[in-house]
């Protein structure tokens, strides 16, 4: 996303020695998923924290300026004001971490956020999303145009053929998936990625961010992801600079759960019209 790790010499000799204990990874994943979640006010607090890690995303072929504007409004006001007041959190400036859109919609997002008077970052998928199989010149031009239009974060789709042939590169964040695959963010894969981040930090002192994306739809899921990152990498990774959740519908369920916590009943569709 950003470029704070630029200039670090990339020593890949240790990568060839890495082995993954697959049964152990699966056991760890099952442990995370089976764990009981926190309840009541503790759950509400963690759900509000989860909101601040969300890259609120729309990547649809029929995206228009109007639904980008709506997305940006929801990013600035992710939870209904009266619910935040009931939790005494209305003055904490809770927003999503970013909005994420196609390169062609970056201008719309920047304009909408500026009109709303907020400085939420605009992220954009680029480089031939979601397959990453376009020419390098085209990929670089897509990044340049997105940045020129105001994107401050770029989710780069790697050319997976390079990875499969051992031609690794560097990154400030690693992401589980594009969200457009049949299988996207899974806990076993995430565990391996998080431990790679941890090993890299131990070896180089550089902190790499982590972003699960695709299929994360429920508030309960978000709590499991926060718990996993906290346990594998520690509290210092639980900040938007190092952890994001790519999601389009997750926020709606989090707001429903906050509504239930505050009112004692589940929201009807008209109660949360922006969801």
Protein backbone atom coordinates (compact mmCIF):
# COMPACT_ATOMS: atom_id res chain seq x y z
CA UNK A 1 0.00 0.00 0.00
CA UNK A 2 2.40 2.73 1.18
CA UNK A 3 6.14 2.68 0.55
CA UNK A 4 7.63 2.76 4.05
CA UNK A 5 9.69 -0.42 3.52
CA UNK A 6 11.38 0.74 0.35
CA UNK A 7 15.12 0.08 0.18
CA UNK A 8 15.25 -3.08 2.30
CA UNK A 9 17.55 -5.64 0.73
CA UNK A 10 15.56 -8.76 -0.11
CA UNK A 11 17.35 -11.93 0.97
CA UNK A 12 15.31 -14.89 -0.23
CA UNK A 13 17.68 -17.70 0.71
CA UNK A 14 15.72 -18.59 3.84
CA UNK A 15 12.43 -18.88 1.94
CA UNK A 16 13.50 -22.12 0.23
CA UNK A 17 13.95 -23.71 3.66
CA UNK A 18 10.44 -22.94 4.90
CA UNK A 19 8.17 -25.90 5.61
CA UNK A 20 4.52 -25.82 6.63
CA UNK A 21 3.12 -28.32 9.12
CA UNK A 22 -0.26 -28.64 7.44
CA UNK A 23 -2.04 -30.72 10.15
CA UNK A 24 -0.87 -28.27 12.83
CA UNK A 25 -2.10 -25.31 10.79
CA UNK A 26 -5.51 -26.93 10.37
CA UNK A 27 -5.73 -27.62 14.11
CA UNK A 28 -4.90 -23.99 14.86
CA UNK A 29 -7.54 -22.81 12.39
CA UNK A 30 -10.17 -25.05 13.99
CA UNK A 31 -9.23 -23.69 17.41
CA UNK A 32 -9.82 -20.11 16.27
CA UNK A 33 -13.16 -20.89 14.65
CA UNK A 34 -14.46 -22.96 17.57
CA UNK A 35 -13.65 -20.39 20.22
CA UNK A 36 -16.53 -18.65 21.95
CA UNK A 37 -16.66 -14.94 21.20
CA UNK A 38 -16.76 -12.16 23.76
CA UNK A 39 -20.20 -10.99 24.86
CA UNK A 40 -22.15 -7.84 25.69
CA UNK A 41 -20.17 -4.61 26.10
CA UNK A 42 -16.88 -6.35 25.32
CA UNK A 43 -18.31 -7.60 22.05
CA UNK A 44 -19.61 -4.13 21.18
CA UNK A 45 -16.17 -2.63 21.86
CA UNK A 46 -14.39 -5.16 19.65
CA UNK A 47 -16.96 -4.75 16.89
CA UNK A 48 -16.42 -0.99 16.87
CA UNK A 49 -12.68 -1.63 16.66
CA UNK A 50 -13.30 -3.99 13.73
CA UNK A 51 -15.09 -1.17 11.88
CA UNK A 52 -11.87 0.88 11.94
CA UNK A 53 -10.03 -1.88 10.05
CA UNK A 54 -12.53 -2.24 7.20
CA UNK A 55 -11.64 -1.26 3.65
CA UNK A 56 -15.25 -0.60 2.66
CA UNK A 57 -15.35 -1.96 -0.84
CA UNK A 58 -17.40 -1.94 -3.99
CA UNK A 59 -15.98 -3.72 -7.03
CA UNK A 60 -19.00 -4.22 -9.24
CA UNK A 61 -19.25 -3.86 -12.96
CA UNK A 62 -22.23 -1.53 -12.52
CA UNK A 63 -20.62 0.87 -10.02
CA UNK A 64 -21.69 4.48 -10.63
CA UNK A 65 -20.82 7.84 -9.09
CA UNK A 66 -24.01 7.71 -7.00
CA UNK A 67 -23.28 4.39 -5.30
CA UNK A 68 -19.66 5.46 -4.75
CA UNK A 69 -21.00 8.56 -3.01
CA UNK A 70 -23.24 6.38 -0.86
CA UNK A 71 -20.29 4.12 -0.02
CA UNK A 72 -18.19 7.10 1.05
CA UNK A 73 -20.99 8.44 3.23
CA UNK A 74 -21.24 5.06 4.93
CA UNK A 75 -17.45 5.01 5.41
CA UNK A 76 -17.64 8.32 7.28
CA UNK A 77 -20.75 7.32 9.28
CA UNK A 78 -20.42 3.53 9.60
CA UNK A 79 -22.65 3.20 12.69
CA UNK A 80 -25.85 5.13 13.29
CA UNK A 81 -25.22 8.20 15.45
CA UNK A 82 -27.79 7.40 18.13
CA UNK A 83 -26.27 3.94 18.60
CA UNK A 84 -22.83 5.45 19.12
CA UNK A 85 -24.28 7.95 21.59
CA UNK A 86 -25.83 5.11 23.56
CA UNK A 87 -22.35 3.59 23.81
CA UNK A 88 -20.75 6.97 24.57
CA UNK A 89 -18.63 6.58 21.44
CA UNK A 90 -20.18 9.31 19.29
CA UNK A 91 -17.23 11.67 19.69
CA UNK A 92 -14.46 9.15 18.92
CA UNK A 93 -14.35 9.77 15.17
CA UNK A 94 -15.06 6.16 14.23
CA UNK A 95 -14.81 5.63 10.47
CA UNK A 96 -13.76 2.78 8.24
CA UNK A 97 -10.05 2.53 7.44
CA UNK A 98 -10.52 3.29 3.74
CA UNK A 99 -12.83 2.93 0.79
CA UNK A 100 -11.72 0.62 -2.01
CA UNK A 101 -12.89 1.03 -5.60
CA UNK A 102 -11.91 0.38 -9.19
CA UNK A 103 -9.37 2.82 -10.69
CA UNK A 104 -12.03 4.42 -12.89
CA UNK A 105 -14.07 5.29 -9.79
CA UNK A 106 -11.25 6.84 -7.74
CA UNK A 107 -12.21 10.37 -8.82
CA UNK A 108 -15.77 9.81 -7.64
CA UNK A 109 -14.58 8.56 -4.25
CA UNK A 110 -12.11 11.41 -3.74
CA UNK A 111 -14.77 13.96 -4.66
CA UNK A 112 -17.37 12.40 -2.35
CA UNK A 113 -15.02 12.20 0.62
CA UNK A 114 -13.86 15.77 0.09
CA UNK A 115 -17.48 16.94 0.01
CA UNK A 116 -18.09 15.02 3.23
CA UNK A 117 -15.16 16.82 4.85
CA UNK A 118 -13.16 13.75 5.82
CA UNK A 119 -9.72 12.40 5.02
CA UNK A 120 -10.48 8.69 4.75
CA UNK A 121 -7.95 7.16 2.32
CA UNK A 122 -9.06 5.97 -1.10
CA UNK A 123 -7.66 2.57 -2.04
CA UNK A 124 -7.91 1.13 -5.51
CA UNK A 125 -7.40 -2.28 -7.00
CA UNK A 126 -5.12 -2.08 -10.01
CA UNK A 127 -2.72 -3.95 -12.25
CA UNK A 128 -5.27 -6.02 -14.11
CA UNK A 129 -7.59 -6.89 -11.24
CA UNK A 130 -8.52 -9.63 -10.51
CA UNK A 131 -6.32 -11.91 -12.67
CA UNK A 132 -3.21 -9.73 -12.92
CA UNK A 133 -2.51 -11.04 -16.39
CA UNK A 134 -2.10 -7.80 -18.30
CA UNK A 135 1.13 -6.36 -19.73
CA UNK A 136 3.50 -4.75 -17.24
CA UNK A 137 3.27 -1.41 -19.04
CA UNK A 138 -0.51 -1.47 -18.75
CA UNK A 139 -0.34 -2.44 -15.09
CA UNK A 140 2.03 0.40 -14.24
CA UNK A 141 -0.07 2.90 -16.17
CA UNK A 142 -3.18 1.82 -14.26
CA UNK A 143 -1.39 2.49 -10.97
CA UNK A 144 -0.17 5.88 -12.21
CA UNK A 145 -3.66 6.95 -13.26
CA UNK A 146 -5.24 5.81 -9.99
CA UNK A 147 -2.65 7.75 -7.96
CA UNK A 148 -3.04 10.76 -10.23
CA UNK A 149 -6.78 10.71 -9.52
CA UNK A 150 -6.18 10.70 -5.77
CA UNK A 151 -5.76 7.11 -4.63
CA UNK A 152 -3.29 6.89 -1.75
CA UNK A 153 -3.27 3.10 -1.48
CA UNK A 154 -3.03 0.53 -4.27
CA UNK A 155 -4.00 -3.12 -3.92
CA UNK A 156 -1.66 -4.64 -6.50
CA UNK A 157 -2.64 -7.95 -8.07
CA UNK A 158 0.58 -9.90 -8.37
CA UNK A 159 1.47 -11.89 -11.44
CA UNK A 160 1.11 -15.29 -9.81
CA UNK A 161 3.22 -16.98 -12.48
CA UNK A 162 6.22 -15.12 -11.09
CA UNK A 163 5.54 -16.41 -7.58
CA UNK A 164 5.03 -19.95 -8.80
CA UNK A 165 8.44 -19.79 -10.48
CA UNK A 166 10.15 -18.35 -7.40
CA UNK A 167 10.47 -14.77 -8.62
CA UNK A 168 9.46 -12.99 -5.43
CA UNK A 169 9.06 -9.29 -4.83
CA UNK A 170 8.53 -6.96 -1.89
CA UNK A 171 5.35 -5.49 -0.42
CA UNK A 172 4.07 -3.32 2.42
CA UNK A 173 0.93 -5.45 2.83
CA UNK A 174 0.05 -8.98 1.83
CA UNK A 175 -3.54 -9.88 1.02
CA UNK A 176 -5.16 -13.30 1.12
CA UNK A 177 -7.06 -12.98 -2.14
CA UNK A 178 -8.82 -10.67 -4.55
CA UNK A 179 -12.24 -11.57 -3.20
CA UNK A 180 -13.23 -12.68 -6.68
CA UNK A 181 -12.07 -16.28 -6.37
CA UNK A 182 -14.18 -19.34 -5.50
CA UNK A 183 -12.25 -19.63 -2.23
CA UNK A 184 -10.96 -16.41 -0.68
CA UNK A 185 -9.87 -15.60 2.88
CA UNK A 186 -9.46 -18.78 4.94
CA UNK A 187 -7.96 -19.23 8.37
CA UNK A 188 -5.39 -21.92 7.43
CA UNK A 189 -3.94 -19.74 4.69
CA UNK A 190 -4.05 -16.70 6.98
CA UNK A 191 -2.10 -18.51 9.69
CA UNK A 192 0.71 -19.31 7.27
CA UNK A 193 0.75 -15.72 6.00
CA UNK A 194 0.75 -14.22 9.50
CA UNK A 195 3.63 -16.42 10.59
CA UNK A 196 5.55 -15.43 7.47
CA UNK A 197 4.98 -11.79 8.46
CA UNK A 198 6.24 -12.58 11.95
CA UNK A 199 9.34 -14.39 10.65
CA UNK A 200 10.09 -11.54 8.26
CA UNK A 201 9.81 -9.04 11.10
CA UNK A 202 12.18 -11.07 13.27
CA UNK A 203 14.71 -11.28 10.44
CA UNK A 204 14.52 -7.71 9.11
CA UNK A 205 12.78 -5.53 11.68
CA UNK A 206 10.22 -4.51 9.02
CA UNK A 207 6.53 -4.78 9.79
CA UNK A 208 4.38 -5.99 6.89
CA UNK A 209 0.64 -5.47 6.97
CA UNK A 210 -2.03 -8.12 6.48
CA UNK A 211 -5.37 -7.91 4.70
CA UNK A 212 -7.86 -10.78 4.51
CA UNK A 213 -10.46 -10.17 1.81
CA UNK A 214 -13.39 -12.07 0.37
CA UNK A 215 -16.11 -13.98 2.18
CA UNK A 216 -15.86 -12.10 5.49
CA UNK A 217 -19.50 -11.20 6.01
CA UNK A 218 -20.49 -11.67 9.65
CA UNK A 219 -19.63 -9.77 12.81
CA UNK A 220 -18.60 -13.07 14.37
CA UNK A 221 -16.14 -13.63 11.53
CA UNK A 222 -14.58 -10.21 12.10
CA UNK A 223 -14.01 -10.98 15.79
CA UNK A 224 -12.26 -14.23 14.86
CA UNK A 225 -9.95 -12.37 12.46
CA UNK A 226 -9.07 -9.75 15.07
CA UNK A 227 -8.38 -12.49 17.60
CA UNK A 228 -6.14 -14.35 15.15
CA UNK A 229 -4.06 -11.29 14.32
CA UNK A 230 -3.76 -10.31 18.00
CA UNK A 231 -2.58 -13.80 18.98
CA UNK A 232 -0.20 -14.35 16.07
CA UNK A 233 1.33 -10.88 15.75
CA UNK A 234 0.38 -8.97 18.90
CA UNK A 235 -1.47 -5.77 19.70
CA UNK A 236 0.96 -3.64 17.69
CA UNK A 237 -0.52 -5.07 14.48
CA UNK A 238 -4.06 -4.13 15.51
CA UNK A 239 -4.04 -0.75 13.82
CA UNK A 240 -5.13 0.28 10.31
CA UNK A 241 -1.53 0.87 9.23
CA UNK A 242 -0.87 -2.88 9.56
CA UNK A 243 -4.24 -4.62 9.43
CA UNK A 244 -7.23 -4.24 7.12
CA UNK A 245 -10.31 -6.30 6.33
CA UNK A 246 -11.52 -6.10 2.75
CA UNK A 247 -15.31 -6.35 2.80
CA UNK A 248 -18.46 -5.00 1.20
CA UNK A 249 -21.25 -6.45 3.40
CA UNK A 250 -19.49 -7.02 6.75
CA UNK A 251 -20.25 -3.53 8.04
CA UNK A 252 -23.99 -4.13 7.72
CA UNK A 253 -23.88 -7.12 10.04
CA UNK A 254 -21.66 -5.32 12.56
CA UNK A 255 -24.14 -2.45 12.68
CA UNK A 256 -27.01 -4.90 13.17
CA UNK A 257 -25.18 -6.50 16.09
CA UNK A 258 -24.49 -3.07 17.64
CA UNK A 259 -28.18 -2.21 17.20
CA UNK A 260 -29.17 -5.42 18.99
CA UNK A 261 -26.73 -4.72 21.82
CA UNK A 262 -28.15 -1.22 22.35
CA UNK A 263 -31.88 -1.89 21.85
CA UNK A 264 -32.25 -5.56 22.76
CA UNK A 265 -33.93 -6.34 19.44
CA UNK A 266 -32.79 -7.03 15.92
CA UNK A 267 -33.10 -4.29 13.33
CA UNK A 268 -35.75 -4.29 10.65
CA UNK A 269 -34.58 -3.38 7.17
CA UNK A 270 -35.84 0.21 7.50
CA UNK A 271 -34.02 0.71 10.84
CA UNK A 272 -30.62 0.72 9.13
CA UNK A 273 -31.36 2.12 5.67
CA UNK A 274 -27.70 2.77 4.83
CA UNK A 275 -26.68 -0.85 5.45
